[in-house]
Amino acid sequence: MKIFLKYSLCLLTAVSFFTFSNQESFAKKVENKKVENKIEIKTQLVEYKEGNTVLEGYLAYPKNIKGKLPGVLVIHDWTGVGPYSKRRTDELARMGYVAFAPDIYGKGVRPKPPKEAGEVAGKYKADRNLMRKRVLAGFEILKNNKSVDKNKLASIGYCFGGTVSLELARSGANLAGFVTFHGGLDSPNPQDGKNIKGKVLVLHGVDDPYVPQKDIEAFQNEMRNNKVDWQMVYYGDAVHSFSNKDSGDKKETGAAYNKLADERSWNHMKLFFADLFK
């Protein structure tokens, strides 16, 4: 009887602790969300140059900045700096980051999908040196911002921007981490993986038809061969562009919004940043 009571007490204590821990964790999530929603931000367009090309990026940051903050590049999809990349930039600013959406294409170049956007994005995919020059120009804007901690920098990118984020990593840029949301993984120069200094996080829809298996395998080999600290998360039932509501809900087209994958990938990014900037 004593043994049974002792076992029951231990079990009750364990269950109570588990329940309390879960409630505490949930409470922290709710509280963090409230804090994010309360943070007032400032935004502005930033004009700068890469060579002779005029570029126009988008900057967002907390209104009442105290000290230096981590900085995050938010690299646009194939349509250029627009509502979607600006919304993500704002969200990061509300989380307490200085966020900057660099312009890869050039001021006023905002192509319509699919034909025009595909052609413009294709120009940079075919010329990785130009792609790197453009994103590095944006990186300099973020890095030199007076409110940014230069030792706490990261980049994220969506679709085309995910490809750019990885190219930024392969360029040897000194960032703590690089994130790609449903981005292309191919590299014409896989040996450049040796230049990667930060950690890499790939957030990928398992049914994405625009990222062939051969590219996935080549990317993973590139990471392994160059001893990069990398992670790759697959989201079930998710295709290309799963984080963008404007992608619609027709999965059969190969690009569609997936609410679960959107929310989970954003949370994985948050965990990644918590590890980078601790």
Foldseek 3Di string as FASTA:
>chain_A
DVVVVVVVVVVVVVVVVVVVVVVVVVVVVVVLVVQLVPFDKDKDWDWDDLVPFIWIKMKMATPDADAAFAEEEEEEALQWDDDVSVVVRNSVRSSGYTYMYFTLQGPPRGDDDDPRSVVSLVVCVVPVVSLLSRVVRRVVVRCPDPRHDNQRYEYEYAASGLVSQVSNQLVLDDHAETEYELYEQADPCLCSLLSGDHEYEYQHEPQAPVHDPVSVVSNVCSCVVNVHHYDYDYDYPAFGQQQDCVQDDDCVVRHHHDVVSNVVVVVVVVVVSVVRPD
